[in-house]
């Protein structure tokens, strides 16, 4: 993250642009949103990222309260998904709205998009009144040198101590979890139109049958334990089995892996 002074200057510059644009602070809805057909296309294109985002939030659901809001935005700044116990039926936050500066004014996501890096923005630094109680941490999701989207972790009207440090640590861990899962899921191979596993999944199957623990596998693949657990679940779903050992047997029977690959 950049020095706070530089970020403050960028924030003031953004606020000034919004005033010159004549953007109203009491917006009832964002000025820019995707057309329905384009939104459907984008949601379909990003369904893997959305699925991983939801699963990652679900894993930490017990650690957050109703004041937390999680947003997933595509690389162009359009909202793909929102998870919030407090704003479930809010008409302002709908998939397809733009978080660009000229759509809803200065916000953490628009600044993260402009600077291509993490941004923490306190409530009073937002332009639009809707976000005046939001403390936000927005992060780009980098995959192999490209930004595939952004996540934003926000807390509304919170009295939490060390809020900024907590949100930043939380956001960095969440992004890493999403990136690890995304990489593991990126290259699916379709077999017989039904069964599908990735190269990494095959490695997980082989290491499991050879006695590797989830910790061992995580170290071998340079990922987290939760990513290995998530991927085992995907294997079981793909092979339509209820445990990993049945998945191994089915993988052998269908030729996905061979007995010769195991160190028995």
Protein backbone atom coordinates (compact mmCIF):
# COMPACT_ATOMS: atom_id res chain seq x y z
CA UNK A 1 0.00 0.00 0.00
CA UNK A 2 1.14 3.55 -0.73
CA UNK A 3 1.96 6.17 1.87
CA UNK A 4 -1.13 7.58 3.57
CA UNK A 5 -0.24 11.11 2.39
CA UNK A 6 -0.23 10.03 -1.27
CA UNK A 7 -3.53 8.18 -0.82
CA UNK A 8 -5.04 11.26 0.84
CA UNK A 9 -3.97 13.36 -2.14
CA UNK A 10 -5.55 10.86 -4.57
CA UNK A 11 -8.73 10.86 -2.47
CA UNK A 12 -8.93 14.67 -2.49
CA UNK A 13 -8.29 14.69 -6.23
CA UNK A 14 -11.13 12.20 -6.73
CA UNK A 15 -13.52 14.22 -4.53
CA UNK A 16 -12.69 17.30 -6.59
CA UNK A 17 -13.50 15.49 -9.85
CA UNK A 18 -16.87 14.41 -8.46
CA UNK A 19 -17.73 18.02 -7.59
CA UNK A 20 -16.75 19.19 -11.09
CA UNK A 21 -18.94 16.47 -12.57
CA UNK A 22 -21.86 17.84 -10.59
CA UNK A 23 -22.42 14.43 -9.01
CA UNK A 24 -25.13 14.51 -6.35
CA UNK A 25 -24.14 13.27 -2.92
CA UNK A 26 -27.63 11.99 -2.19
CA UNK A 27 -27.79 9.58 -5.15
CA UNK A 28 -30.77 7.24 -4.96
CA UNK A 29 -29.03 4.81 -7.33
CA UNK A 30 -25.70 4.54 -9.20
CA UNK A 31 -25.50 6.51 -12.46
CA UNK A 32 -23.97 3.63 -14.44
CA UNK A 33 -25.02 -0.03 -14.61
CA UNK A 34 -24.68 -2.92 -17.05
CA UNK A 35 -27.53 -3.76 -19.39
CA UNK A 36 -29.33 -6.98 -18.45
CA UNK A 37 -27.96 -9.05 -21.35
CA UNK A 38 -24.39 -7.88 -20.72
CA UNK A 39 -24.80 -8.54 -17.00
CA UNK A 40 -25.93 -12.11 -17.68
CA UNK A 41 -22.92 -12.64 -19.95
CA UNK A 42 -20.55 -11.26 -17.34
CA UNK A 43 -22.04 -13.33 -14.50
CA UNK A 44 -21.73 -16.45 -16.64
CA UNK A 45 -18.15 -15.61 -17.58
CA UNK A 46 -17.21 -15.02 -13.94
CA UNK A 47 -19.19 -17.89 -12.40
CA UNK A 48 -16.04 -19.66 -11.16
CA UNK A 49 -14.78 -16.52 -9.41
CA UNK A 50 -18.24 -15.87 -7.93
CA UNK A 51 -18.51 -19.46 -6.69
CA UNK A 52 -15.09 -19.29 -5.02
CA UNK A 53 -15.92 -15.89 -3.50
CA UNK A 54 -19.14 -17.24 -1.96
CA UNK A 55 -17.46 -20.38 -0.68
CA UNK A 56 -14.63 -18.38 0.87
CA UNK A 57 -17.06 -16.08 2.68
CA UNK A 58 -19.12 -19.05 3.83
CA UNK A 59 -16.00 -20.53 5.46
CA UNK A 60 -15.62 -17.44 7.67
CA UNK A 61 -19.31 -16.79 8.20
CA UNK A 62 -19.12 -17.51 11.94
CA UNK A 63 -16.38 -14.89 12.37
CA UNK A 64 -18.35 -11.91 11.03
CA UNK A 65 -21.37 -9.98 12.25
CA UNK A 66 -24.23 -8.19 10.51
CA UNK A 67 -22.15 -5.03 10.06
CA UNK A 68 -19.76 -6.73 7.64
CA UNK A 69 -20.28 -6.41 3.90
CA UNK A 70 -18.39 -8.34 1.22
CA UNK A 71 -18.38 -7.20 -2.40
CA UNK A 72 -17.01 -8.86 -5.53
CA UNK A 73 -16.39 -6.56 -8.48
CA UNK A 74 -15.10 -7.35 -11.95
CA UNK A 75 -12.00 -5.75 -13.42
CA UNK A 76 -14.09 -2.98 -15.05
CA UNK A 77 -15.69 -1.99 -11.72
CA UNK A 78 -19.12 -3.64 -12.07
CA UNK A 79 -20.60 -5.42 -9.06
CA UNK A 80 -20.84 -9.20 -9.45
CA UNK A 81 -21.94 -10.25 -5.97
CA UNK A 82 -22.67 -8.87 -2.51
CA UNK A 83 -22.84 -10.81 0.73
CA UNK A 84 -24.29 -9.00 3.72
CA UNK A 85 -26.58 -9.92 6.60
CA UNK A 86 -27.59 -6.27 6.94
CA UNK A 87 -28.17 -5.21 3.33
CA UNK A 88 -29.74 -8.32 1.78
CA UNK A 89 -32.65 -6.44 0.17
CA UNK A 90 -30.98 -3.10 -0.47
CA UNK A 91 -31.99 -1.66 -3.84
CA UNK A 92 -28.78 0.39 -4.18
CA UNK A 93 -26.42 -2.61 -4.18
CA UNK A 94 -27.50 -4.73 -7.11
CA UNK A 95 -25.37 -6.83 -9.46
CA UNK A 96 -24.36 -4.80 -12.49
CA UNK A 97 -23.93 -1.40 -10.83
CA UNK A 98 -20.69 0.43 -11.48
CA UNK A 99 -18.32 1.49 -8.70
CA UNK A 100 -16.53 3.86 -11.05
CA UNK A 101 -15.88 7.36 -9.78
CA UNK A 102 -18.37 8.96 -12.19
CA UNK A 103 -21.07 6.49 -11.17
CA UNK A 104 -21.17 6.71 -7.37
CA UNK A 105 -18.40 9.15 -6.52
CA UNK A 106 -15.19 8.57 -4.57
CA UNK A 107 -15.03 5.10 -3.01
CA UNK A 108 -12.43 2.51 -2.05
CA UNK A 109 -13.01 0.38 -5.15
CA UNK A 110 -12.70 3.26 -7.62
CA UNK A 111 -9.43 4.30 -5.96
CA UNK A 112 -8.14 0.71 -5.98
CA UNK A 113 -8.99 0.53 -9.68
CA UNK A 114 -7.16 3.77 -10.42
CA UNK A 115 -4.07 2.87 -8.39
CA UNK A 116 -4.15 -0.90 -9.10
CA UNK A 117 -3.51 -1.67 -5.42
CA UNK A 118 -5.05 -2.03 -1.97
CA UNK A 119 -6.95 0.96 -0.57
CA UNK A 120 -8.40 1.59 2.88
CA UNK A 121 -11.02 4.34 3.03
CA UNK A 122 -12.74 5.59 6.17
CA UNK A 123 -16.42 6.50 6.18
CA UNK A 124 -16.15 10.29 5.86
CA UNK A 125 -13.80 10.04 2.86
CA UNK A 126 -16.58 8.69 0.62
CA UNK A 127 -18.38 11.12 -1.66
CA UNK A 128 -21.85 9.57 -1.80
CA UNK A 129 -24.01 9.77 1.34
CA UNK A 130 -24.95 6.10 0.99
CA UNK A 131 -21.39 5.11 1.96
CA UNK A 132 -20.86 7.70 4.71
CA UNK A 133 -20.96 5.02 7.43
CA UNK A 134 -18.79 2.55 5.50
CA UNK A 135 -15.17 1.80 6.46
CA UNK A 136 -13.78 -0.07 3.46
CA UNK A 137 -10.76 -2.06 2.39
CA UNK A 138 -10.64 -2.77 -1.36
CA UNK A 139 -8.13 -5.11 -2.98
CA UNK A 140 -7.34 -6.13 -6.57
CA UNK A 141 -7.27 -9.89 -7.23
CA UNK A 142 -4.08 -10.57 -9.19
CA UNK A 143 -3.85 -13.86 -11.09
CA UNK A 144 -0.71 -14.48 -13.15
CA UNK A 145 -0.04 -10.78 -13.61
CA UNK A 146 -3.62 -9.79 -14.47
CA UNK A 147 -6.38 -8.29 -12.33
CA UNK A 148 -9.41 -10.59 -12.60
CA UNK A 149 -11.51 -8.55 -10.19
CA UNK A 150 -11.65 -6.73 -6.87
CA UNK A 151 -12.95 -7.58 -3.43
CA UNK A 152 -14.13 -5.06 -0.87
CA UNK A 153 -14.54 -5.82 2.84
CA UNK A 154 -16.51 -3.13 4.63
CA UNK A 155 -17.87 -2.52 8.11
CA UNK A 156 -20.80 -0.19 8.73
CA UNK A 157 -21.03 2.06 11.77
CA UNK A 158 -18.59 0.00 13.82
CA UNK A 159 -17.15 0.69 17.26
CA UNK A 160 -14.47 -1.96 16.81
CA UNK A 161 -11.01 -1.10 18.14
CA UNK A 162 -8.16 -1.25 15.62
CA UNK A 163 -10.75 -1.50 12.84
CA UNK A 164 -8.28 -0.62 10.06
CA UNK A 165 -5.68 -3.22 11.08
CA UNK A 166 -8.36 -5.88 11.46
CA UNK A 167 -9.99 -5.19 8.09
CA UNK A 168 -6.65 -5.11 6.27
CA UNK A 169 -5.48 -8.41 7.79
CA UNK A 170 -8.88 -9.96 7.11
CA UNK A 171 -8.89 -8.73 3.51
CA UNK A 172 -5.39 -9.94 2.71
CA UNK A 173 -6.14 -13.43 4.05
CA UNK A 174 -9.45 -13.58 2.17
CA UNK A 175 -7.80 -12.55 -1.10
CA UNK A 176 -5.06 -15.15 -0.70
CA UNK A 177 -7.66 -17.84 -0.10
CA UNK A 178 -9.60 -16.81 -3.21
CA UNK A 179 -6.44 -16.70 -5.35
CA UNK A 180 -5.31 -20.17 -4.21
CA UNK A 181 -8.72 -21.69 -4.95
CA UNK A 182 -8.97 -19.90 -8.28
CA UNK A 183 -5.60 -21.22 -9.41
CA UNK A 184 -6.50 -24.76 -8.37
CA UNK A 185 -9.78 -24.60 -10.29
CA UNK A 186 -8.70 -22.70 -13.37
CA UNK A 187 -7.93 -25.54 -15.79
CA UNK A 188 -10.69 -28.15 -15.77
CA UNK A 189 -10.55 -31.03 -18.25
CA UNK A 190 -13.83 -32.60 -19.34
CA UNK A 191 -13.86 -36.39 -19.56
CA UNK A 192 -16.68 -38.25 -21.34
CA UNK A 193 -18.81 -35.11 -21.01
CA UNK A 194 -19.31 -35.82 -17.27
CA UNK A 195 -16.19 -36.44 -15.20
CA UNK A 196 -13.66 -33.68 -14.87
CA UNK A 197 -10.49 -33.17 -12.82
CA UNK A 198 -7.53 -30.85 -13.11
CA UNK A 199 -3.84 -31.73 -13.12
CA UNK A 200 -3.61 -30.44 -9.57
CA UNK A 201 -6.61 -32.56 -8.54
CA UNK A 202 -4.86 -35.64 -9.92
CA UNK A 203 -1.84 -34.78 -7.79
CA UNK A 204 -4.07 -34.46 -4.72
CA UNK A 205 -5.59 -37.89 -5.43
CA UNK A 206 -2.18 -39.48 -5.88
CA UNK A 207 -0.72 -37.89 -2.74
CA UNK A 208 -3.78 -38.90 -0.70
CA UNK A 209 -3.51 -42.57 -1.65
CA UNK A 210 0.23 -42.44 -0.91
CA UNK A 211 -0.48 -41.37 2.66
CA UNK A 212 0.10 -37.63 2.48
CA UNK A 213 -1.85 -35.59 5.03
CA UNK A 214 -3.68 -32.41 4.01
CA UNK A 215 -0.84 -30.44 5.60
CA UNK A 216 1.70 -32.39 3.51
CA UNK A 217 -0.31 -31.76 0.34
CA UNK A 218 -0.64 -28.06 1.12
CA UNK A 219 3.13 -27.76 1.54
CA UNK A 220 3.79 -29.66 -1.70
CA UNK A 221 1.37 -27.47 -3.67
CA UNK A 222 2.34 -24.25 -1.86
CA UNK A 223 -1.23 -23.52 -0.82
CA UNK A 224 -3.32 -23.42 2.36
CA UNK A 225 -4.97 -26.37 4.12
CA UNK A 226 -8.38 -24.84 3.42
CA UNK A 227 -7.59 -24.78 -0.30
CA UNK A 228 -6.80 -28.50 -0.20
CA UNK A 229 -10.05 -29.22 1.67
CA UNK A 230 -11.98 -27.13 -0.84
CA UNK A 231 -10.38 -28.95 -3.75
CA UNK A 232 -11.10 -32.39 -2.28
CA UNK A 233 -14.73 -31.34 -2.07
CA UNK A 234 -14.65 -30.36 -5.75
CA UNK A 235 -13.13 -33.76 -6.61
CA UNK A 236 -15.92 -35.60 -4.77
CA UNK A 237 -18.54 -33.47 -6.49
CA UNK A 238 -16.99 -33.98 -9.92
CA UNK A 239 -16.77 -37.75 -9.47
CA UNK A 240 -20.13 -37.97 -7.71
CA UNK A 241 -18.82 -39.70 -4.57
CA UNK A 242 -19.30 -39.02 -0.86
CA UNK A 243 -15.68 -39.48 0.26
CA UNK A 244 -12.22 -39.05 -1.16
CA UNK A 245 -11.33 -42.77 -1.16
CA UNK A 246 -14.36 -43.65 -3.27
CA UNK A 247 -13.27 -40.83 -5.56
CA UNK A 248 -9.83 -42.45 -5.90
CA UNK A 249 -11.39 -45.81 -6.78
CA UNK A 250 -13.64 -44.18 -9.37
CA UNK A 251 -10.72 -42.20 -10.80
CA UNK A 252 -8.79 -45.47 -11.29
CA UNK A 253 -11.75 -47.26 -12.86
CA UNK A 254 -12.38 -44.44 -15.32
CA UNK A 255 -8.71 -44.07 -16.24
CA UNK A 256 -8.27 -40.61 -14.77
CA UNK A 257 -5.32 -41.97 -12.80
CA UNK A 258 -3.53 -45.31 -12.94
CA UNK A 259 -2.38 -47.70 -10.23
CA UNK A 260 1.18 -47.41 -11.56
CA UNK A 261 1.23 -43.78 -10.42
CA UNK A 262 1.00 -44.78 -6.75
CA UNK A 263 3.94 -45.60 -4.51
CA UNK A 264 2.34 -48.67 -2.93
